[in-house]
């Protein structure tokens, strides 16, 4: 697999751990990064349609132009854009994956949690 896509928080502390994890565990050469403050909350709640549409538009580019075959949604410790306990964050990651499944049923999807030590855990 050459390309994968990560839907991650804009928080710089989460970027390299997520990219490194995907490259190592999924043998992905390139990772397209789609960042927003708390994207798991945005996709799970779907309250701000313009932000949801923006994320979907960027996923479409990654999938259709780069032939990305993996979508990863990230939640993380100490999120300023989507504050909440770990359990809430994980629930939102899972809801985001369910939402994305409807639009991208042919692409593998995974959820990731990045803990206080910036270690990635697959959900």
N, C-alpha and C. Protein backbone atom coordinates (compact mmCIF):
# COMPACT_ATOMS: atom_id res chain seq x y z
N UNK A 1 0.86 -1.17 0.00
CA UNK A 1 0.00 0.00 0.00
C UNK A 1 0.90 1.23 0.00
N UNK A 2 0.69 2.10 -0.97
CA UNK A 2 1.52 3.29 -1.06
C UNK A 2 1.02 4.44 -0.22
N UNK A 3 -0.31 4.70 -0.27
CA UNK A 3 -0.89 5.84 0.44
C UNK A 3 -1.91 5.39 1.48
N UNK A 4 -1.90 6.09 2.60
CA UNK A 4 -2.94 6.00 3.61
C UNK A 4 -3.31 7.41 4.00
N UNK A 5 -4.43 7.55 4.71
CA UNK A 5 -4.92 8.86 5.10
C UNK A 5 -5.18 8.86 6.59
N UNK A 6 -4.67 9.88 7.27
CA UNK A 6 -4.94 10.04 8.69
C UNK A 6 -5.76 11.30 8.90
N UNK A 7 -6.85 11.15 9.65
CA UNK A 7 -7.70 12.28 10.03
C UNK A 7 -7.36 12.54 11.48
N UNK A 8 -6.58 13.55 11.69
CA UNK A 8 -5.92 13.76 12.97
C UNK A 8 -6.19 15.17 13.49
N UNK A 9 -5.95 15.35 14.76
CA UNK A 9 -6.04 16.68 15.35
C UNK A 9 -4.91 17.55 14.80
N UNK A 10 -5.12 18.86 14.83
CA UNK A 10 -4.06 19.77 14.40
C UNK A 10 -2.91 19.83 15.40
N UNK A 11 -3.11 19.28 16.59
CA UNK A 11 -2.11 19.28 17.66
C UNK A 11 -0.82 18.62 17.15
N UNK A 12 0.24 19.38 17.10
CA UNK A 12 1.51 18.90 16.58
C UNK A 12 2.08 17.71 17.32
N UNK A 13 1.67 17.51 18.56
CA UNK A 13 2.19 16.37 19.33
C UNK A 13 1.68 15.04 18.79
N UNK A 14 0.59 15.06 18.04
CA UNK A 14 0.00 13.81 17.56
C UNK A 14 0.44 13.44 16.14
N UNK A 15 1.03 14.36 15.43
CA UNK A 15 1.33 14.14 14.02
C UNK A 15 2.32 13.00 13.77
N UNK A 16 3.52 13.14 14.29
CA UNK A 16 4.55 12.12 14.02
C UNK A 16 4.21 10.76 14.61
N UNK A 17 3.67 10.69 15.84
CA UNK A 17 3.32 9.35 16.34
C UNK A 17 2.32 8.63 15.43
N UNK A 18 1.31 9.33 14.93
CA UNK A 18 0.32 8.69 14.05
C UNK A 18 0.94 8.29 12.72
N UNK A 19 1.70 9.18 12.12
CA UNK A 19 2.33 8.88 10.83
C UNK A 19 3.30 7.71 10.97
N UNK A 20 4.15 7.76 11.98
CA UNK A 20 5.11 6.68 12.20
C UNK A 20 4.41 5.34 12.41
N UNK A 21 3.32 5.35 13.17
CA UNK A 21 2.57 4.12 13.42
C UNK A 21 2.03 3.55 12.11
N UNK A 22 1.40 4.38 11.30
CA UNK A 22 0.82 3.90 10.05
C UNK A 22 1.89 3.40 9.08
N UNK A 23 2.99 4.09 9.01
CA UNK A 23 4.08 3.66 8.12
C UNK A 23 4.65 2.32 8.59
N UNK A 24 4.82 2.17 9.87
CA UNK A 24 5.41 0.94 10.42
C UNK A 24 4.43 -0.23 10.36
N UNK A 25 3.22 -0.05 10.86
CA UNK A 25 2.28 -1.16 11.01
C UNK A 25 1.56 -1.53 9.72
N UNK A 26 1.39 -0.58 8.81
CA UNK A 26 0.65 -0.83 7.58
C UNK A 26 1.51 -0.75 6.33
N UNK A 27 2.81 -0.55 6.53
CA UNK A 27 3.77 -0.50 5.41
C UNK A 27 3.34 0.53 4.36
N UNK A 28 2.87 1.67 4.85
CA UNK A 28 2.45 2.76 3.97
C UNK A 28 3.66 3.65 3.70
N UNK A 29 3.84 3.98 2.45
CA UNK A 29 4.96 4.83 2.09
C UNK A 29 4.67 6.31 2.38
N UNK A 30 3.43 6.74 2.05
CA UNK A 30 3.04 8.14 2.23
C UNK A 30 1.74 8.22 3.02
N UNK A 31 1.67 9.21 3.90
CA UNK A 31 0.46 9.42 4.69
C UNK A 31 -0.08 10.82 4.41
N UNK A 32 -1.27 10.86 3.82
CA UNK A 32 -1.96 12.14 3.64
C UNK A 32 -2.57 12.53 4.98
N UNK A 33 -2.29 13.74 5.43
CA UNK A 33 -2.78 14.21 6.72
C UNK A 33 -3.90 15.23 6.54
N UNK A 34 -5.02 14.93 7.17
CA UNK A 34 -6.16 15.85 7.20
C UNK A 34 -6.29 16.26 8.66
N UNK A 35 -6.09 17.54 8.94
CA UNK A 35 -6.09 17.97 10.33
C UNK A 35 -7.16 19.03 10.60
N UNK A 36 -7.73 18.91 11.75
CA UNK A 36 -8.69 19.87 12.32
C UNK A 36 -8.56 19.75 13.83
N UNK A 37 -8.94 20.76 14.58
CA UNK A 37 -9.00 20.60 16.03
C UNK A 37 -10.12 19.61 16.38
N UNK A 38 -9.76 18.47 16.93
CA UNK A 38 -10.76 17.49 17.36
C UNK A 38 -11.61 16.90 16.25
N UNK A 39 -11.01 16.34 15.19
CA UNK A 39 -11.82 15.84 14.07
C UNK A 39 -12.73 14.67 14.44
N UNK A 40 -12.37 13.90 15.45
CA UNK A 40 -13.25 12.81 15.87
C UNK A 40 -14.57 13.37 16.39
N UNK A 41 -14.53 14.48 17.09
CA UNK A 41 -15.75 15.13 17.56
C UNK A 41 -16.56 15.72 16.41
N UNK A 42 -15.85 16.29 15.44
CA UNK A 42 -16.53 16.88 14.27
C UNK A 42 -17.28 15.81 13.49
N UNK A 43 -16.61 14.70 13.19
CA UNK A 43 -17.24 13.65 12.38
C UNK A 43 -18.30 12.89 13.16
N UNK A 44 -18.08 12.69 14.44
CA UNK A 44 -19.06 11.95 15.25
C UNK A 44 -20.33 12.76 15.45
N UNK A 45 -20.19 14.06 15.74
CA UNK A 45 -21.35 14.90 16.03
C UNK A 45 -22.05 15.43 14.81
N UNK A 46 -21.29 15.65 13.74
CA UNK A 46 -21.80 16.18 12.48
C UNK A 46 -22.67 17.43 12.68
N UNK A 47 -22.28 18.28 13.61
CA UNK A 47 -23.03 19.50 13.90
C UNK A 47 -22.63 20.66 13.00
N UNK A 48 -21.37 20.65 12.55
CA UNK A 48 -20.89 21.72 11.68
C UNK A 48 -20.70 21.13 10.29
N UNK A 49 -21.74 21.25 9.46
CA UNK A 49 -21.72 20.59 8.15
C UNK A 49 -20.60 21.09 7.26
N UNK A 50 -20.23 22.36 7.37
CA UNK A 50 -19.15 22.87 6.52
C UNK A 50 -17.81 22.22 6.88
N UNK A 51 -17.57 21.97 8.16
CA UNK A 51 -16.34 21.27 8.54
C UNK A 51 -16.38 19.80 8.12
N UNK A 52 -17.51 19.16 8.29
CA UNK A 52 -17.66 17.76 7.84
C UNK A 52 -17.40 17.69 6.34
N UNK A 53 -18.02 18.58 5.57
CA UNK A 53 -17.84 18.58 4.12
C UNK A 53 -16.38 18.83 3.74
N UNK A 54 -15.72 19.71 4.46
CA UNK A 54 -14.31 20.00 4.18
C UNK A 54 -13.44 18.76 4.40
N UNK A 55 -13.69 18.06 5.49
CA UNK A 55 -12.94 16.83 5.76
C UNK A 55 -13.21 15.80 4.66
N UNK A 56 -14.48 15.63 4.30
CA UNK A 56 -14.83 14.66 3.27
C UNK A 56 -14.22 15.02 1.91
N UNK A 57 -14.19 16.29 1.61
CA UNK A 57 -13.59 16.73 0.35
C UNK A 57 -12.10 16.36 0.31
N UNK A 58 -11.42 16.53 1.42
CA UNK A 58 -9.99 16.20 1.47
C UNK A 58 -9.76 14.69 1.44
N UNK A 59 -10.65 13.93 2.09
CA UNK A 59 -10.56 12.47 1.99
C UNK A 59 -10.76 12.04 0.54
N UNK A 60 -11.74 12.63 -0.15
CA UNK A 60 -11.99 12.30 -1.54
C UNK A 60 -10.73 12.49 -2.40
N UNK A 61 -10.03 13.57 -2.17
CA UNK A 61 -8.79 13.82 -2.92
C UNK A 61 -7.78 12.71 -2.64
N UNK A 62 -7.61 12.38 -1.39
CA UNK A 62 -6.65 11.35 -1.01
C UNK A 62 -7.02 10.00 -1.62
N UNK A 63 -8.30 9.66 -1.56
CA UNK A 63 -8.78 8.37 -2.07
C UNK A 63 -8.75 8.34 -3.60
N UNK A 64 -9.26 9.39 -4.24
CA UNK A 64 -9.42 9.38 -5.69
C UNK A 64 -8.16 9.77 -6.46
N UNK A 65 -7.33 10.59 -5.89
CA UNK A 65 -6.12 11.04 -6.60
C UNK A 65 -4.87 10.28 -6.17
N UNK A 66 -4.81 9.89 -4.90
CA UNK A 66 -3.63 9.17 -4.41
C UNK A 66 -3.88 7.69 -4.22
N UNK A 67 -5.10 7.25 -4.45
CA UNK A 67 -5.49 5.85 -4.31
C UNK A 67 -5.25 5.34 -2.88
N UNK A 68 -5.52 6.20 -1.91
CA UNK A 68 -5.40 5.80 -0.51
C UNK A 68 -6.33 4.63 -0.23
N UNK A 69 -5.83 3.65 0.50
CA UNK A 69 -6.60 2.45 0.81
C UNK A 69 -6.75 2.23 2.31
N UNK A 70 -6.43 3.24 3.11
CA UNK A 70 -6.59 3.16 4.56
C UNK A 70 -6.98 4.53 5.08
N UNK A 71 -8.02 4.57 5.92
CA UNK A 71 -8.42 5.79 6.62
C UNK A 71 -8.24 5.54 8.10
N UNK A 72 -7.51 6.40 8.77
CA UNK A 72 -7.32 6.31 10.21
C UNK A 72 -7.88 7.57 10.86
N UNK A 73 -8.70 7.39 11.89
CA UNK A 73 -9.24 8.51 12.66
C UNK A 73 -8.58 8.48 14.03
N UNK A 74 -8.10 9.65 14.47
CA UNK A 74 -7.33 9.75 15.70
C UNK A 74 -8.09 10.56 16.76
N UNK A 75 -8.03 10.07 17.99
CA UNK A 75 -8.40 10.82 19.18
C UNK A 75 -7.17 10.83 20.07
N UNK A 76 -7.07 11.84 20.94
CA UNK A 76 -5.85 11.87 21.76
C UNK A 76 -6.07 12.55 23.11
N UNK A 77 -5.17 12.24 23.99
CA UNK A 77 -5.09 12.82 25.32
C UNK A 77 -4.89 14.33 25.21
N UNK A 78 -5.52 15.09 26.10
CA UNK A 78 -5.29 16.52 26.24
C UNK A 78 -5.64 17.31 24.98
N UNK A 79 -6.75 16.95 24.35
CA UNK A 79 -7.16 17.64 23.12
C UNK A 79 -7.82 18.98 23.48
N UNK A 80 -7.23 20.06 23.01
CA UNK A 80 -7.78 21.39 23.28
C UNK A 80 -9.01 21.68 22.42
N UNK A 81 -9.05 21.11 21.21
CA UNK A 81 -10.16 21.37 20.30
C UNK A 81 -11.39 20.52 20.58
N UNK A 82 -11.19 19.42 21.28
CA UNK A 82 -12.29 18.51 21.60
C UNK A 82 -12.03 17.93 23.00
N UNK A 83 -12.09 18.79 24.02
CA UNK A 83 -11.77 18.29 25.36
C UNK A 83 -12.80 17.26 25.83
N UNK A 84 -12.30 16.28 26.51
CA UNK A 84 -13.18 15.24 27.03
C UNK A 84 -12.35 14.06 27.48
N UNK A 85 -12.93 13.21 28.28
CA UNK A 85 -12.20 12.04 28.78
C UNK A 85 -11.91 11.03 27.67
N UNK A 86 -10.98 10.15 27.94
CA UNK A 86 -10.58 9.13 26.98
C UNK A 86 -11.78 8.35 26.45
N UNK A 87 -12.68 7.95 27.33
CA UNK A 87 -13.83 7.14 26.92
C UNK A 87 -14.68 7.87 25.89
N UNK A 88 -14.90 9.16 26.10
CA UNK A 88 -15.67 9.97 25.15
C UNK A 88 -14.95 10.07 23.82
N UNK A 89 -13.66 10.32 23.87
CA UNK A 89 -12.85 10.42 22.65
C UNK A 89 -12.92 9.12 21.84
N UNK A 90 -12.80 8.00 22.53
CA UNK A 90 -12.83 6.70 21.84
C UNK A 90 -14.21 6.45 21.24
N UNK A 91 -15.25 6.78 21.96
CA UNK A 91 -16.61 6.65 21.42
C UNK A 91 -16.76 7.49 20.16
N UNK A 92 -16.20 8.69 20.16
CA UNK A 92 -16.29 9.56 18.99
C UNK A 92 -15.47 9.01 17.82
N UNK A 93 -14.32 8.44 18.11
CA UNK A 93 -13.53 7.82 17.03
C UNK A 93 -14.35 6.71 16.38
N UNK A 94 -14.97 5.86 17.19
CA UNK A 94 -15.76 4.75 16.65
C UNK A 94 -16.97 5.26 15.86
N UNK A 95 -17.62 6.30 16.35
CA UNK A 95 -18.76 6.89 15.62
C UNK A 95 -18.29 7.50 14.30
N UNK A 96 -17.11 8.10 14.30
CA UNK A 96 -16.53 8.65 13.07
C UNK A 96 -16.30 7.56 12.05
N UNK A 97 -15.78 6.43 12.50
CA UNK A 97 -15.53 5.31 11.60
C UNK A 97 -16.83 4.77 11.01
N UNK A 98 -17.87 4.71 11.82
CA UNK A 98 -19.18 4.26 11.31
C UNK A 98 -19.71 5.23 10.25
N UNK A 99 -19.55 6.52 10.49
CA UNK A 99 -19.97 7.53 9.52
C UNK A 99 -19.19 7.38 8.22
N UNK A 100 -17.88 7.20 8.31
CA UNK A 100 -17.04 7.09 7.12
C UNK A 100 -17.29 5.79 6.36
N UNK A 101 -17.71 4.75 7.07
CA UNK A 101 -18.00 3.46 6.43
C UNK A 101 -19.09 3.62 5.37
N UNK A 102 -20.06 4.48 5.62
CA UNK A 102 -21.17 4.67 4.68
C UNK A 102 -20.68 5.29 3.36
N UNK A 103 -19.71 6.15 3.44
CA UNK A 103 -19.22 6.84 2.24
C UNK A 103 -18.06 6.11 1.57
N UNK A 104 -17.28 5.39 2.35
CA UNK A 104 -16.09 4.70 1.83
C UNK A 104 -16.10 3.23 2.25
N UNK A 105 -17.09 2.46 1.82
CA UNK A 105 -17.18 1.08 2.28
C UNK A 105 -16.06 0.18 1.76
N UNK A 106 -15.41 0.58 0.69
CA UNK A 106 -14.37 -0.23 0.05
C UNK A 106 -12.97 0.01 0.62
N UNK A 107 -12.86 0.90 1.60
CA UNK A 107 -11.54 1.27 2.14
C UNK A 107 -11.44 0.83 3.60
N UNK A 108 -10.31 0.26 3.96
CA UNK A 108 -10.07 -0.14 5.35
C UNK A 108 -10.05 1.09 6.24
N UNK A 109 -10.66 0.97 7.41
CA UNK A 109 -10.71 2.07 8.37
C UNK A 109 -10.27 1.58 9.73
N UNK A 110 -9.48 2.41 10.42
CA UNK A 110 -9.03 2.07 11.77
C UNK A 110 -9.16 3.29 12.67
N UNK A 111 -9.31 3.03 13.96
CA UNK A 111 -9.31 4.09 14.95
C UNK A 111 -8.03 4.02 15.77
N UNK A 112 -7.52 5.18 16.12
CA UNK A 112 -6.30 5.27 16.93
C UNK A 112 -6.54 6.16 18.13
N UNK A 113 -5.95 5.79 19.24
CA UNK A 113 -5.93 6.61 20.44
C UNK A 113 -4.47 6.89 20.77
N UNK A 114 -4.14 8.17 20.99
CA UNK A 114 -2.78 8.55 21.36
C UNK A 114 -2.82 9.00 22.81
N UNK A 115 -2.06 8.31 23.65
CA UNK A 115 -2.13 8.54 25.09
C UNK A 115 -1.22 9.68 25.56
N UNK A 116 -1.17 9.89 26.86
CA UNK A 116 -0.43 11.01 27.45
C UNK A 116 1.07 10.94 27.20
N UNK A 117 1.58 9.77 26.86
CA UNK A 117 3.01 9.61 26.52
C UNK A 117 3.23 9.64 25.01
N UNK A 118 2.17 9.95 24.25
CA UNK A 118 2.19 10.07 22.79
C UNK A 118 2.47 8.71 22.13
N UNK A 119 1.97 7.67 22.78
CA UNK A 119 2.04 6.31 22.26
C UNK A 119 0.70 6.02 21.57
N UNK A 120 0.76 5.42 20.39
CA UNK A 120 -0.43 5.12 19.59
C UNK A 120 -0.98 3.75 19.95
N UNK A 121 -2.28 3.68 20.14
CA UNK A 121 -2.99 2.43 20.42
C UNK A 121 -4.08 2.28 19.37
N UNK A 122 -4.11 1.12 18.72
CA UNK A 122 -5.17 0.88 17.75
C UNK A 122 -6.41 0.39 18.51
N UNK A 123 -7.56 0.93 18.14
CA UNK A 123 -8.81 0.58 18.80
C UNK A 123 -9.46 -0.64 18.16
